[in-house]
Amino acid sequence: MTMLNHTYVDVVKMDVEGYEWHWIHKEPETIHRVGQLLIELHIEGLNEREYPGESAVSFVERLEAKDLRMFHKEVNHEYPHLCTELSFIQKEWEEW
């Protein structure tokens, strides 16, 4: 966003095979500038050394702390223990 001089993004679709954990820890200030987030959350294989104590619940809590509210979830029926699809919308989405 900064490189392109944008102050917000309407919709982010993220399927980055586990790097969503890195994003939520390394880019926390970006989260509150996203209107809608569609993300595939990978649960199995989470690096416990790098992110101790993290879980799907803590991931959602981090997003909710940035005023994103979950409005949809869908378990990956082919790999239910590996990942799930989550959709969030900004609580106070307005024209930035």
N, C-alpha and C. Protein backbone atom coordinates (compact mmCIF):
# COMPACT_ATOMS: atom_id res chain seq x y z
N MET A 1 0.82 -1.18 0.00
CA MET A 1 0.00 0.00 0.00
C MET A 1 0.87 1.25 0.00
N THR A 2 1.86 1.27 0.85
CA THR A 2 2.72 2.44 0.96
C THR A 2 3.46 2.72 -0.35
N MET A 3 3.98 1.67 -0.96
CA MET A 3 4.74 1.82 -2.19
C MET A 3 3.88 2.44 -3.30
N LEU A 4 2.59 2.14 -3.32
CA LEU A 4 1.69 2.67 -4.34
C LEU A 4 0.93 3.90 -3.87
N ASN A 5 1.25 4.37 -2.67
CA ASN A 5 0.65 5.57 -2.09
C ASN A 5 -0.86 5.42 -1.87
N HIS A 6 -1.29 4.20 -1.50
CA HIS A 6 -2.69 3.96 -1.17
C HIS A 6 -2.85 4.06 0.35
N THR A 7 -3.99 4.55 0.79
CA THR A 7 -4.25 4.64 2.23
C THR A 7 -5.15 3.52 2.72
N TYR A 8 -5.81 2.81 1.81
CA TYR A 8 -6.66 1.69 2.17
C TYR A 8 -6.81 0.75 0.99
N VAL A 9 -7.33 -0.44 1.28
CA VAL A 9 -7.64 -1.42 0.25
C VAL A 9 -9.06 -1.89 0.52
N ASP A 10 -9.89 -1.91 -0.52
CA ASP A 10 -11.27 -2.36 -0.32
C ASP A 10 -11.36 -3.84 0.03
N VAL A 11 -10.73 -4.71 -0.78
CA VAL A 11 -10.84 -6.15 -0.59
C VAL A 11 -9.46 -6.79 -0.73
N VAL A 12 -9.12 -7.66 0.20
CA VAL A 12 -7.90 -8.46 0.12
C VAL A 12 -8.32 -9.93 0.14
N LYS A 13 -7.89 -10.69 -0.87
CA LYS A 13 -8.09 -12.14 -0.93
C LYS A 13 -6.73 -12.76 -0.69
N MET A 14 -6.60 -13.53 0.39
CA MET A 14 -5.30 -14.06 0.77
C MET A 14 -5.33 -15.58 0.87
N ASP A 15 -4.51 -16.22 0.04
CA ASP A 15 -4.30 -17.66 0.10
C ASP A 15 -2.80 -17.85 -0.10
N VAL A 16 -2.07 -17.78 0.99
CA VAL A 16 -0.60 -17.72 0.91
C VAL A 16 0.07 -18.90 1.62
N GLU A 17 -0.68 -20.00 1.75
CA GLU A 17 -0.13 -21.27 2.22
C GLU A 17 0.65 -21.18 3.53
N GLY A 18 0.06 -20.56 4.52
CA GLY A 18 0.67 -20.50 5.84
C GLY A 18 1.34 -19.18 6.18
N TYR A 19 1.61 -18.35 5.19
CA TYR A 19 2.28 -17.07 5.47
C TYR A 19 1.33 -16.02 6.05
N GLU A 20 0.05 -16.36 6.15
CA GLU A 20 -0.89 -15.43 6.78
C GLU A 20 -0.49 -15.18 8.23
N TRP A 21 0.15 -16.15 8.87
CA TRP A 21 0.62 -15.97 10.25
C TRP A 21 1.73 -14.91 10.29
N HIS A 22 2.60 -14.95 9.33
CA HIS A 22 3.67 -13.95 9.24
C HIS A 22 3.06 -12.57 9.02
N TRP A 23 2.10 -12.49 8.10
CA TRP A 23 1.46 -11.21 7.78
C TRP A 23 0.80 -10.58 9.00
N ILE A 24 0.04 -11.37 9.75
CA ILE A 24 -0.69 -10.80 10.89
C ILE A 24 0.25 -10.33 11.99
N HIS A 25 1.44 -10.94 12.08
CA HIS A 25 2.42 -10.52 13.09
C HIS A 25 3.30 -9.37 12.60
N LYS A 26 3.61 -9.33 11.33
CA LYS A 26 4.56 -8.35 10.80
C LYS A 26 3.91 -7.10 10.23
N GLU A 27 2.63 -7.15 9.92
CA GLU A 27 1.94 -6.01 9.29
C GLU A 27 0.68 -5.61 10.05
N PRO A 28 0.72 -5.50 11.36
CA PRO A 28 -0.51 -5.23 12.11
C PRO A 28 -1.16 -3.89 11.78
N GLU A 29 -0.39 -2.92 11.36
CA GLU A 29 -0.97 -1.61 11.05
C GLU A 29 -1.68 -1.58 9.71
N THR A 30 -1.43 -2.56 8.86
CA THR A 30 -2.11 -2.66 7.58
C THR A 30 -3.53 -3.16 7.75
N ILE A 31 -3.76 -4.00 8.73
CA ILE A 31 -5.03 -4.68 8.90
C ILE A 31 -6.20 -3.71 9.03
N HIS A 32 -6.04 -2.64 9.78
CA HIS A 32 -7.17 -1.73 9.99
C HIS A 32 -7.47 -0.88 8.76
N ARG A 33 -6.70 -1.00 7.71
CA ARG A 33 -6.93 -0.25 6.47
C ARG A 33 -7.48 -1.16 5.36
N VAL A 34 -7.98 -2.34 5.74
CA VAL A 34 -8.58 -3.28 4.80
C VAL A 34 -10.08 -3.31 5.06
N GLY A 35 -10.88 -3.08 4.03
CA GLY A 35 -12.34 -3.08 4.18
C GLY A 35 -12.91 -4.48 4.35
N GLN A 36 -12.46 -5.39 3.51
CA GLN A 36 -12.93 -6.77 3.57
C GLN A 36 -11.75 -7.70 3.35
N LEU A 37 -11.66 -8.75 4.18
CA LEU A 37 -10.57 -9.71 4.10
C LEU A 37 -11.14 -11.11 3.91
N LEU A 38 -10.71 -11.76 2.84
CA LEU A 38 -11.08 -13.15 2.55
C LEU A 38 -9.79 -13.94 2.64
N ILE A 39 -9.74 -14.90 3.56
CA ILE A 39 -8.46 -15.54 3.84
C ILE A 39 -8.62 -17.05 4.05
N GLU A 40 -7.67 -17.79 3.53
CA GLU A 40 -7.60 -19.22 3.83
C GLU A 40 -6.59 -19.37 4.96
N LEU A 41 -7.08 -19.76 6.12
CA LEU A 41 -6.24 -19.88 7.30
C LEU A 41 -5.72 -21.30 7.42
N HIS A 42 -4.40 -21.45 7.38
CA HIS A 42 -3.76 -22.76 7.51
C HIS A 42 -3.44 -23.00 8.98
N ILE A 43 -3.95 -24.11 9.48
CA ILE A 43 -3.81 -24.41 10.90
C ILE A 43 -2.70 -25.43 11.13
N GLU A 44 -2.73 -26.53 10.41
CA GLU A 44 -1.69 -27.54 10.58
C GLU A 44 -0.37 -27.03 10.03
N GLY A 45 0.69 -27.31 10.74
CA GLY A 45 2.00 -26.87 10.29
C GLY A 45 2.37 -25.50 10.82
N LEU A 46 1.52 -24.93 11.67
CA LEU A 46 1.83 -23.64 12.28
C LEU A 46 3.13 -23.77 13.06
N ASN A 47 4.04 -22.87 12.81
CA ASN A 47 5.35 -22.92 13.45
C ASN A 47 5.24 -22.47 14.90
N GLU A 48 5.18 -23.45 15.80
CA GLU A 48 5.02 -23.15 17.23
C GLU A 48 6.21 -22.41 17.82
N ARG A 49 7.39 -22.62 17.26
CA ARG A 49 8.55 -21.89 17.79
C ARG A 49 8.47 -20.41 17.44
N GLU A 50 8.04 -20.12 16.24
CA GLU A 50 7.96 -18.73 15.81
C GLU A 50 6.74 -18.02 16.39
N TYR A 51 5.63 -18.74 16.50
CA TYR A 51 4.38 -18.15 17.00
C TYR A 51 3.79 -19.02 18.11
N PRO A 52 4.43 -19.07 19.27
CA PRO A 52 3.96 -19.94 20.36
C PRO A 52 2.57 -19.52 20.86
N GLY A 53 1.75 -20.53 21.12
CA GLY A 53 0.42 -20.27 21.67
C GLY A 53 -0.62 -19.80 20.68
N GLU A 54 -0.26 -19.70 19.42
CA GLU A 54 -1.22 -19.23 18.41
C GLU A 54 -2.18 -20.34 18.01
N SER A 55 -3.37 -19.95 17.63
CA SER A 55 -4.40 -20.87 17.19
C SER A 55 -5.34 -20.13 16.24
N ALA A 56 -6.27 -20.85 15.68
CA ALA A 56 -7.27 -20.19 14.82
C ALA A 56 -8.04 -19.14 15.62
N VAL A 57 -8.33 -19.44 16.87
CA VAL A 57 -9.06 -18.50 17.73
C VAL A 57 -8.24 -17.23 17.95
N SER A 58 -6.96 -17.36 18.24
CA SER A 58 -6.13 -16.17 18.47
C SER A 58 -5.98 -15.36 17.18
N PHE A 59 -5.96 -16.04 16.04
CA PHE A 59 -5.88 -15.34 14.75
C PHE A 59 -7.11 -14.45 14.57
N VAL A 60 -8.29 -15.03 14.81
CA VAL A 60 -9.54 -14.27 14.70
C VAL A 60 -9.57 -13.13 15.72
N GLU A 61 -9.11 -13.39 16.92
CA GLU A 61 -9.09 -12.34 17.96
C GLU A 61 -8.20 -11.17 17.55
N ARG A 62 -7.08 -11.46 16.91
CA ARG A 62 -6.18 -10.38 16.44
C ARG A 62 -6.89 -9.51 15.41
N LEU A 63 -7.62 -10.15 14.51
CA LEU A 63 -8.36 -9.39 13.49
C LEU A 63 -9.50 -8.59 14.12
N GLU A 64 -10.20 -9.19 15.06
CA GLU A 64 -11.29 -8.48 15.72
C GLU A 64 -10.77 -7.29 16.52
N ALA A 65 -9.58 -7.38 17.05
CA ALA A 65 -8.98 -6.25 17.76
C ALA A 65 -8.71 -5.07 16.81
N LYS A 66 -8.64 -5.36 15.52
CA LYS A 66 -8.45 -4.32 14.50
C LYS A 66 -9.77 -3.97 13.83
N ASP A 67 -10.88 -4.28 14.49
CA ASP A 67 -12.24 -3.96 14.04
C ASP A 67 -12.72 -4.72 12.82
N LEU A 68 -12.10 -5.85 12.52
CA LEU A 68 -12.63 -6.73 11.48
C LEU A 68 -13.56 -7.74 12.14
N ARG A 69 -14.73 -7.96 11.54
CA ARG A 69 -15.71 -8.90 12.09
C ARG A 69 -15.92 -10.04 11.10
N MET A 70 -15.88 -11.27 11.61
CA MET A 70 -16.08 -12.43 10.75
C MET A 70 -17.56 -12.51 10.36
N PHE A 71 -17.80 -12.69 9.06
CA PHE A 71 -19.17 -12.85 8.61
C PHE A 71 -19.39 -14.19 7.89
N HIS A 72 -18.31 -14.94 7.66
CA HIS A 72 -18.46 -16.24 7.00
C HIS A 72 -17.26 -17.12 7.33
N LYS A 73 -17.52 -18.41 7.50
CA LYS A 73 -16.44 -19.38 7.64
C LYS A 73 -16.87 -20.66 6.93
N GLU A 74 -15.90 -21.30 6.33
CA GLU A 74 -16.17 -22.54 5.61
C GLU A 74 -14.96 -23.46 5.78
N VAL A 75 -15.20 -24.61 6.38
CA VAL A 75 -14.13 -25.58 6.56
C VAL A 75 -13.80 -26.20 5.21
N ASN A 76 -12.53 -26.39 4.95
CA ASN A 76 -12.10 -27.07 3.73
C ASN A 76 -12.46 -28.54 3.91
N HIS A 77 -13.47 -29.00 3.17
CA HIS A 77 -13.98 -30.36 3.36
C HIS A 77 -13.00 -31.44 2.91
N GLU A 78 -12.11 -31.10 2.03
CA GLU A 78 -11.11 -32.06 1.58
C GLU A 78 -10.01 -32.22 2.63
N TYR A 79 -9.65 -31.12 3.31
CA TYR A 79 -8.59 -31.13 4.32
C TYR A 79 -9.06 -30.37 5.57
N PRO A 80 -10.07 -30.88 6.29
CA PRO A 80 -10.65 -30.11 7.40
C PRO A 80 -9.67 -29.82 8.54
N HIS A 81 -8.64 -30.62 8.71
CA HIS A 81 -7.67 -30.41 9.78
C HIS A 81 -6.53 -29.48 9.35
N LEU A 82 -6.51 -29.11 8.07
CA LEU A 82 -5.41 -28.29 7.56
C LEU A 82 -5.75 -26.81 7.46
N CYS A 83 -6.94 -26.50 6.95
CA CYS A 83 -7.24 -25.08 6.71
C CYS A 83 -8.74 -24.83 6.67
N THR A 84 -9.08 -23.55 6.78
CA THR A 84 -10.46 -23.11 6.73
C THR A 84 -10.51 -21.75 6.04
N GLU A 85 -11.61 -21.47 5.37
CA GLU A 85 -11.81 -20.18 4.71
C GLU A 85 -12.56 -19.26 5.67
N LEU A 86 -12.05 -18.06 5.86
CA LEU A 86 -12.67 -17.07 6.74
C LEU A 86 -12.88 -15.77 5.97
N SER A 87 -13.99 -15.10 6.25
CA SER A 87 -14.28 -13.81 5.62
C SER A 87 -14.60 -12.79 6.71
N PHE A 88 -13.99 -11.62 6.58
CA PHE A 88 -14.15 -10.54 7.57
C PHE A 88 -14.52 -9.25 6.86
N ILE A 89 -15.23 -8.40 7.57
CA ILE A 89 -15.54 -7.07 7.06
C ILE A 89 -15.23 -6.05 8.17
N GLN A 90 -14.75 -4.90 7.76
CA GLN A 90 -14.39 -3.84 8.69
C GLN A 90 -15.64 -3.34 9.41
N LYS A 91 -15.60 -3.29 10.72
CA LYS A 91 -16.74 -2.87 11.54
C LYS A 91 -17.21 -1.48 11.16
N GLU A 92 -16.31 -0.58 10.98
CA GLU A 92 -16.64 0.81 10.65
C GLU A 92 -16.15 1.15 9.24
N TRP A 93 -16.48 0.29 8.28
CA TRP A 93 -16.04 0.53 6.91
C TRP A 93 -16.70 1.79 6.40
N GLU A 94 -15.89 2.73 6.06
CA GLU A 94 -16.37 4.01 5.56
C GLU A 94 -15.43 4.46 4.46
N GLU A 95 -15.78 5.51 3.81
CA GLU A 95 -14.87 6.05 2.79
C GLU A 95 -13.69 6.70 3.49
N TRP A 96 -12.55 6.08 3.27
CA TRP A 96 -11.34 6.60 3.91
C TRP A 96 -10.84 7.75 3.12
